[in-house]
Amino acid sequence: FPLYEEIHANSQINFVVSGGVKDDEDVYEVNKRDYYACIVGKAYYEGRINLKEVIENAG
């Protein structure tokens, strides 16, 4: 997340976190930091993210 934090701190763009999102906790971290969005493809495919639970709790 250090690179994403640098982008967030030094720009006004809405960016999508992609790469390095490995589990539910990373999705919650993206939400907590108020980043625009994230891609969870591989982690979801490998069963490391419970998408329904993340959506319900990220609100």
PDB file of N, CA and C in Angstrom:
ATOM      1  N   PHE A   1       0.775  -1.216   0.000  1.00  0.00           N
ATOM      2  CA  PHE A   1       0.000   0.000   0.000  1.00  0.00           C
ATOM      3  C   PHE A   1       0.822   1.289   0.000  1.00  0.00           C
ATOM      4  N   PRO A   2       2.125   1.265   0.244  1.00  0.00           N
ATOM      5  CA  PRO A   2       2.871   2.534   0.240  1.00  0.00           C
ATOM      6  C   PRO A   2       2.775   3.304  -1.075  1.00  0.00           C
ATOM      7  N   LEU A   3       2.837   2.617  -2.202  1.00  0.00           N
ATOM      8  CA  LEU A   3       2.723   3.297  -3.495  1.00  0.00           C
ATOM      9  C   LEU A   3       1.346   3.932  -3.650  1.00  0.00           C
ATOM     10  N   TYR A   4       0.307   3.207  -3.260  1.00  0.00           N
ATOM     11  CA  TYR A   4      -1.046   3.756  -3.370  1.00  0.00           C
ATOM     12  C   TYR A   4      -1.222   4.968  -2.463  1.00  0.00           C
ATOM     13  N   GLU A   5      -0.625   4.918  -1.290  1.00  0.00           N
ATOM     14  CA  GLU A   5      -0.720   6.055  -0.377  1.00  0.00           C
ATOM     15  C   GLU A   5      -0.020   7.282  -0.955  1.00  0.00           C
ATOM     16  N   GLU A   6       1.106   7.060  -1.622  1.00  0.00           N
ATOM     17  CA  GLU A   6       1.817   8.165  -2.262  1.00  0.00           C
ATOM     18  C   GLU A   6       0.983   8.777  -3.384  1.00  0.00           C
ATOM     19  N   ILE A   7       0.380   7.942  -4.204  1.00  0.00           N
ATOM     20  CA  ILE A   7      -0.481   8.449  -5.280  1.00  0.00           C
ATOM     21  C   ILE A   7      -1.644   9.237  -4.689  1.00  0.00           C
ATOM     22  N   HIS A   8      -2.276   8.685  -3.681  1.00  0.00           N
ATOM     23  CA  HIS A   8      -3.430   9.334  -3.048  1.00  0.00           C
ATOM     24  C   HIS A   8      -3.056  10.687  -2.439  1.00  0.00           C
ATOM     25  N   ALA A   9      -1.887  10.743  -1.815  1.00  0.00           N
ATOM     26  CA  ALA A   9      -1.452  11.972  -1.152  1.00  0.00           C
ATOM     27  C   ALA A   9      -1.010  13.061  -2.128  1.00  0.00           C
ATOM     28  N   ASN A  10      -0.576  12.661  -3.323  1.00  0.00           N
ATOM     29  CA  ASN A  10       0.018  13.627  -4.248  1.00  0.00           C
ATOM     30  C   ASN A  10      -0.773  13.865  -5.527  1.00  0.00           C
ATOM     31  N   SER A  11      -2.021  13.430  -5.545  1.00  0.00           N
ATOM     32  CA  SER A  11      -2.817  13.670  -6.744  1.00  0.00           C
ATOM     33  C   SER A  11      -4.286  13.811  -6.377  1.00  0.00           C
ATOM     34  N   GLN A  12      -5.036  14.239  -7.324  1.00  0.00           N
ATOM     35  CA  GLN A  12      -6.480  14.395  -7.141  1.00  0.00           C
ATOM     36  C   GLN A  12      -7.257  13.374  -7.965  1.00  0.00           C
ATOM     37  N   ILE A  13      -6.568  12.408  -8.558  1.00  0.00           N
ATOM     38  CA  ILE A  13      -7.236  11.445  -9.422  1.00  0.00           C
ATOM     39  C   ILE A  13      -7.900  10.335  -8.608  1.00  0.00           C
ATOM     40  N   ASN A  14      -8.961   9.796  -9.150  1.00  0.00           N
ATOM     41  CA  ASN A  14      -9.564   8.589  -8.601  1.00  0.00           C
ATOM     42  C   ASN A  14      -8.871   7.408  -9.264  1.00  0.00           C
ATOM     43  N   PHE A  15      -8.163   6.613  -8.494  1.00  0.00           N
ATOM     44  CA  PHE A  15      -7.443   5.490  -9.078  1.00  0.00           C
ATOM     45  C   PHE A  15      -7.975   4.180  -8.507  1.00  0.00           C
ATOM     46  N   VAL A  16      -7.731   3.115  -9.243  1.00  0.00           N
ATOM     47  CA  VAL A  16      -8.173   1.788  -8.865  1.00  0.00           C
ATOM     48  C   VAL A  16      -6.959   1.005  -8.376  1.00  0.00           C
ATOM     49  N   VAL A  17      -7.050   0.519  -7.149  1.00  0.00           N
ATOM     50  CA  VAL A  17      -5.991  -0.307  -6.596  1.00  0.00           C
ATOM     51  C   VAL A  17      -6.051  -1.662  -7.295  1.00  0.00           C
ATOM     52  N   SER A  18      -4.944  -2.047  -7.880  1.00  0.00           N
ATOM     53  CA  SER A  18      -4.878  -3.305  -8.604  1.00  0.00           C
ATOM     54  C   SER A  18      -3.506  -3.914  -8.383  1.00  0.00           C
ATOM     55  N   GLY A  19      -3.487  -5.135  -7.991  1.00  0.00           N
ATOM     56  CA  GLY A  19      -2.222  -5.780  -7.675  1.00  0.00           C
ATOM     57  C   GLY A  19      -1.956  -5.680  -6.195  1.00  0.00           C
ATOM     58  N   GLY A  20      -1.770  -6.795  -5.565  1.00  0.00           N
ATOM     59  CA  GLY A  20      -1.485  -6.801  -4.141  1.00  0.00           C
ATOM     60  C   GLY A  20      -2.704  -6.921  -3.254  1.00  0.00           C
ATOM     61  N   VAL A  21      -3.897  -6.918  -3.810  1.00  0.00           N
ATOM     62  CA  VAL A  21      -5.107  -7.115  -3.006  1.00  0.00           C
ATOM     63  C   VAL A  21      -5.273  -8.616  -2.838  1.00  0.00           C
ATOM     64  N   LYS A  22      -4.915  -9.107  -1.646  1.00  0.00           N
ATOM     65  CA  LYS A  22      -4.810 -10.547  -1.463  1.00  0.00           C
ATOM     66  C   LYS A  22      -5.911 -11.173  -0.620  1.00  0.00           C
ATOM     67  N   ASP A  23      -6.651 -10.355   0.154  1.00  0.00           N
ATOM     68  CA  ASP A  23      -7.669 -10.934   1.027  1.00  0.00           C
ATOM     69  C   ASP A  23      -8.662  -9.859   1.477  1.00  0.00           C
ATOM     70  N   ASP A  24      -9.623 -10.284   2.320  1.00  0.00           N
ATOM     71  CA  ASP A  24     -10.657  -9.375   2.809  1.00  0.00           C
ATOM     72  C   ASP A  24     -10.065  -8.142   3.486  1.00  0.00           C
ATOM     73  N   GLU A  25      -9.034  -8.342   4.288  1.00  0.00           N
ATOM     74  CA  GLU A  25      -8.440  -7.229   5.030  1.00  0.00           C
ATOM     75  C   GLU A  25      -7.889  -6.157   4.094  1.00  0.00           C
ATOM     76  N   ASP A  26      -7.331  -6.553   2.972  1.00  0.00           N
ATOM     77  CA  ASP A  26      -6.842  -5.559   2.003  1.00  0.00           C
ATOM     78  C   ASP A  26      -7.998  -4.757   1.413  1.00  0.00           C
ATOM     79  N   VAL A  27      -9.114  -5.403   1.156  1.00  0.00           N
ATOM     80  CA  VAL A  27     -10.285  -4.678   0.638  1.00  0.00           C
ATOM     81  C   VAL A  27     -10.781  -3.685   1.686  1.00  0.00           C
ATOM     82  N   TYR A  28     -10.817  -4.098   2.944  1.00  0.00           N
ATOM     83  CA  TYR A  28     -11.230  -3.177   4.008  1.00  0.00           C
ATOM     84  C   TYR A  28     -10.259  -2.003   4.121  1.00  0.00           C
ATOM     85  N   GLU A  29      -8.975  -2.262   3.906  1.00  0.00           N
ATOM     86  CA  GLU A  29      -7.968  -1.199   3.950  1.00  0.00           C
ATOM     87  C   GLU A  29      -8.191  -0.193   2.817  1.00  0.00           C
ATOM     88  N   VAL A  30      -8.501  -0.662   1.633  1.00  0.00           N
ATOM     89  CA  VAL A  30      -8.814   0.231   0.511  1.00  0.00           C
ATOM     90  C   VAL A  30     -10.020   1.099   0.873  1.00  0.00           C
ATOM     91  N   ASN A  31     -11.035   0.490   1.439  1.00  0.00           N
ATOM     92  CA  ASN A  31     -12.237   1.219   1.834  1.00  0.00           C
ATOM     93  C   ASN A  31     -11.926   2.238   2.928  1.00  0.00           C
ATOM     94  N   LYS A  32     -11.155   1.831   3.919  1.00  0.00           N
ATOM     95  CA  LYS A  32     -10.815   2.715   5.035  1.00  0.00           C
ATOM     96  C   LYS A  32     -10.036   3.941   4.564  1.00  0.00           C
ATOM     97  N   ARG A  33      -9.177   3.751   3.591  1.00  0.00           N
ATOM     98  CA  ARG A  33      -8.359   4.859   3.094  1.00  0.00           C
ATOM     99  C   ARG A  33      -9.107   5.704   2.066  1.00  0.00           C
ATOM    100  N   ASP A  34     -10.331   5.317   1.770  1.00  0.00           N
ATOM    101  CA  ASP A  34     -11.191   6.075   0.857  1.00  0.00           C
ATOM    102  C   ASP A  34     -10.637   6.143  -0.563  1.00  0.00           C
ATOM    103  N   TYR A  35      -9.959   5.077  -0.991  1.00  0.00           N
ATOM    104  CA  TYR A  35      -9.532   4.985  -2.377  1.00  0.00           C
ATOM    105  C   TYR A  35     -10.766   4.711  -3.233  1.00  0.00           C
ATOM    106  N   TYR A  36     -10.675   4.990  -4.501  1.00  0.00           N
ATOM    107  CA  TYR A  36     -11.832   4.900  -5.389  1.00  0.00           C
ATOM    108  C   TYR A  36     -12.375   3.475  -5.514  1.00  0.00           C
ATOM    109  N   ALA A  37     -11.502   2.506  -5.761  1.00  0.00           N
ATOM    110  CA  ALA A  37     -11.952   1.121  -5.973  1.00  0.00           C
ATOM    111  C   ALA A  37     -10.750   0.194  -5.948  1.00  0.00           C
ATOM    112  N   CYS A  38     -11.027  -1.106  -5.985  1.00  0.00           N
ATOM    113  CA  CYS A  38      -9.942  -2.079  -6.108  1.00  0.00           C
ATOM    114  C   CYS A  38     -10.416  -3.272  -6.926  1.00  0.00           C
ATOM    115  N   ILE A  39      -9.449  -3.973  -7.483  1.00  0.00           N
ATOM    116  CA  ILE A  39      -9.717  -5.170  -8.271  1.00  0.00           C
ATOM    117  C   ILE A  39      -9.318  -6.379  -7.427  1.00  0.00           C
ATOM    118  N   VAL A  40     -10.225  -7.337  -7.321  1.00  0.00           N
ATOM    119  CA  VAL A  40      -9.986  -8.498  -6.453  1.00  0.00           C
ATOM    120  C   VAL A  40      -9.985  -9.807  -7.236  1.00  0.00           C
ATOM    121  N   GLY A  41      -9.789  -9.740  -8.541  1.00  0.00           N
ATOM    122  CA  GLY A  41      -9.935 -10.895  -9.420  1.00  0.00           C
ATOM    123  C   GLY A  41      -9.268 -12.168  -8.957  1.00  0.00           C
ATOM    124  N   LYS A  42      -7.956 -12.174  -8.850  1.00  0.00           N
ATOM    125  CA  LYS A  42      -7.238 -13.399  -8.514  1.00  0.00           C
ATOM    126  C   LYS A  42      -7.577 -13.873  -7.103  1.00  0.00           C
ATOM    127  N   ALA A  43      -7.633 -12.958  -6.149  1.00  0.00           N
ATOM    128  CA  ALA A  43      -7.948 -13.335  -4.769  1.00  0.00           C
ATOM    129  C   ALA A  43      -9.354 -13.935  -4.683  1.00  0.00           C
ATOM    130  N   TYR A  44     -10.280 -13.381  -5.430  1.00  0.00           N
ATOM    131  CA  TYR A  44     -11.637 -13.930  -5.452  1.00  0.00           C
ATOM    132  C   TYR A  44     -11.646 -15.307  -6.110  1.00  0.00           C
ATOM    133  N   TYR A  45     -10.973 -15.409  -7.228  1.00  0.00           N
ATOM    134  CA  TYR A  45     -10.907 -16.676  -7.967  1.00  0.00           C
ATOM    135  C   TYR A  45     -10.299 -17.781  -7.105  1.00  0.00           C
ATOM    136  N   GLU A  46      -9.300 -17.427  -6.302  1.00  0.00           N
ATOM    137  CA  GLU A  46      -8.629 -18.404  -5.438  1.00  0.00           C
ATOM    138  C   GLU A  46      -9.343 -18.621  -4.111  1.00  0.00           C
ATOM    139  N   GLY A  47     -10.480 -17.957  -3.890  1.00  0.00           N
ATOM    140  CA  GLY A  47     -11.273 -18.158  -2.689  1.00  0.00           C
ATOM    141  C   GLY A  47     -10.731 -17.471  -1.447  1.00  0.00           C
ATOM    142  N   ARG A  48      -9.886 -16.461  -1.620  1.00  0.00           N
ATOM    143  CA  ARG A  48      -9.326 -15.752  -0.468  1.00  0.00           C
ATOM    144  C   ARG A  48     -10.142 -14.529  -0.068  1.00  0.00           C
ATOM    145  N   ILE A  49     -11.195 -14.233  -0.837  1.00  0.00           N
ATOM    146  CA  ILE A  49     -12.077 -13.105  -0.531  1.00  0.00           C
ATOM    147  C   ILE A  49     -13.517 -13.596  -0.575  1.00  0.00           C
ATOM    148  N   ASN A  50     -14.237 -13.308   0.499  1.00  0.00           N
ATOM    149  CA  ASN A  50     -15.668 -13.592   0.549  1.00  0.00           C
ATOM    150  C   ASN A  50     -16.358 -12.302   0.110  1.00  0.00           C
ATOM    151  N   LEU A  51     -16.680 -12.204  -1.164  1.00  0.00           N
ATOM    152  CA  LEU A  51     -17.184 -10.974  -1.738  1.00  0.00           C
ATOM    153  C   LEU A  51     -18.478 -10.499  -1.081  1.00  0.00           C
ATOM    154  N   LYS A  52     -19.381 -11.407  -0.799  1.00  0.00           N
ATOM    155  CA  LYS A  52     -20.643 -11.031  -0.161  1.00  0.00           C
ATOM    156  C   LYS A  52     -20.377 -10.397   1.206  1.00  0.00           C
ATOM    157  N   GLU A  53     -19.512 -11.008   1.982  1.00  0.00           N
ATOM    158  CA  GLU A  53     -19.195 -10.487   3.311  1.00  0.00           C
ATOM    159  C   GLU A  53     -18.496  -9.133   3.237  1.00  0.00           C
ATOM    160  N   VAL A  54     -17.577  -9.004   2.310  1.00  0.00           N
ATOM    161  CA  VAL A  54     -16.852  -7.728   2.149  1.00  0.00           C
ATOM    162  C   VAL A  54     -17.822  -6.608   1.784  1.00  0.00           C
ATOM    163  N   ILE A  55     -18.724  -6.865   0.861  1.00  0.00           N
ATOM    164  CA  ILE A  55     -19.688  -5.834   0.451  1.00  0.00           C
ATOM    165  C   ILE A  55     -20.587  -5.457   1.630  1.00  0.00           C
ATOM    166  N   GLU A  56     -21.047  -6.430   2.379  1.00  0.00           N
ATOM    167  CA  GLU A  56     -21.908  -6.151   3.530  1.00  0.00           C
ATOM    168  C   GLU A  56     -21.186  -5.343   4.613  1.00  0.00           C
ATOM    169  N   ASN A  57     -19.893  -5.614   4.837  1.00  0.00           N
ATOM    170  CA  ASN A  57     -19.155  -4.972   5.922  1.00  0.00           C
ATOM    171  C   ASN A  57     -18.442  -3.686   5.526  1.00  0.00           C
ATOM    172  N   ALA A  58     -18.224  -3.486   4.238  1.00  0.00           N
ATOM    173  CA  ALA A  58     -17.475  -2.300   3.805  1.00  0.00           C
ATOM    174  C   ALA A  58     -18.342  -1.044   3.822  1.00  0.00           C
ATOM    175  N   GLY A  59     -19.639  -1.222   3.641  1.00  0.00           N
ATOM    176  CA  GLY A  59     -20.636  -0.172   3.589  1.00  0.00           C
ATOM    177  C   GLY A  59     -20.190   1.162   3.927  1.00  0.00           C
TER     178      GLY A  59
END
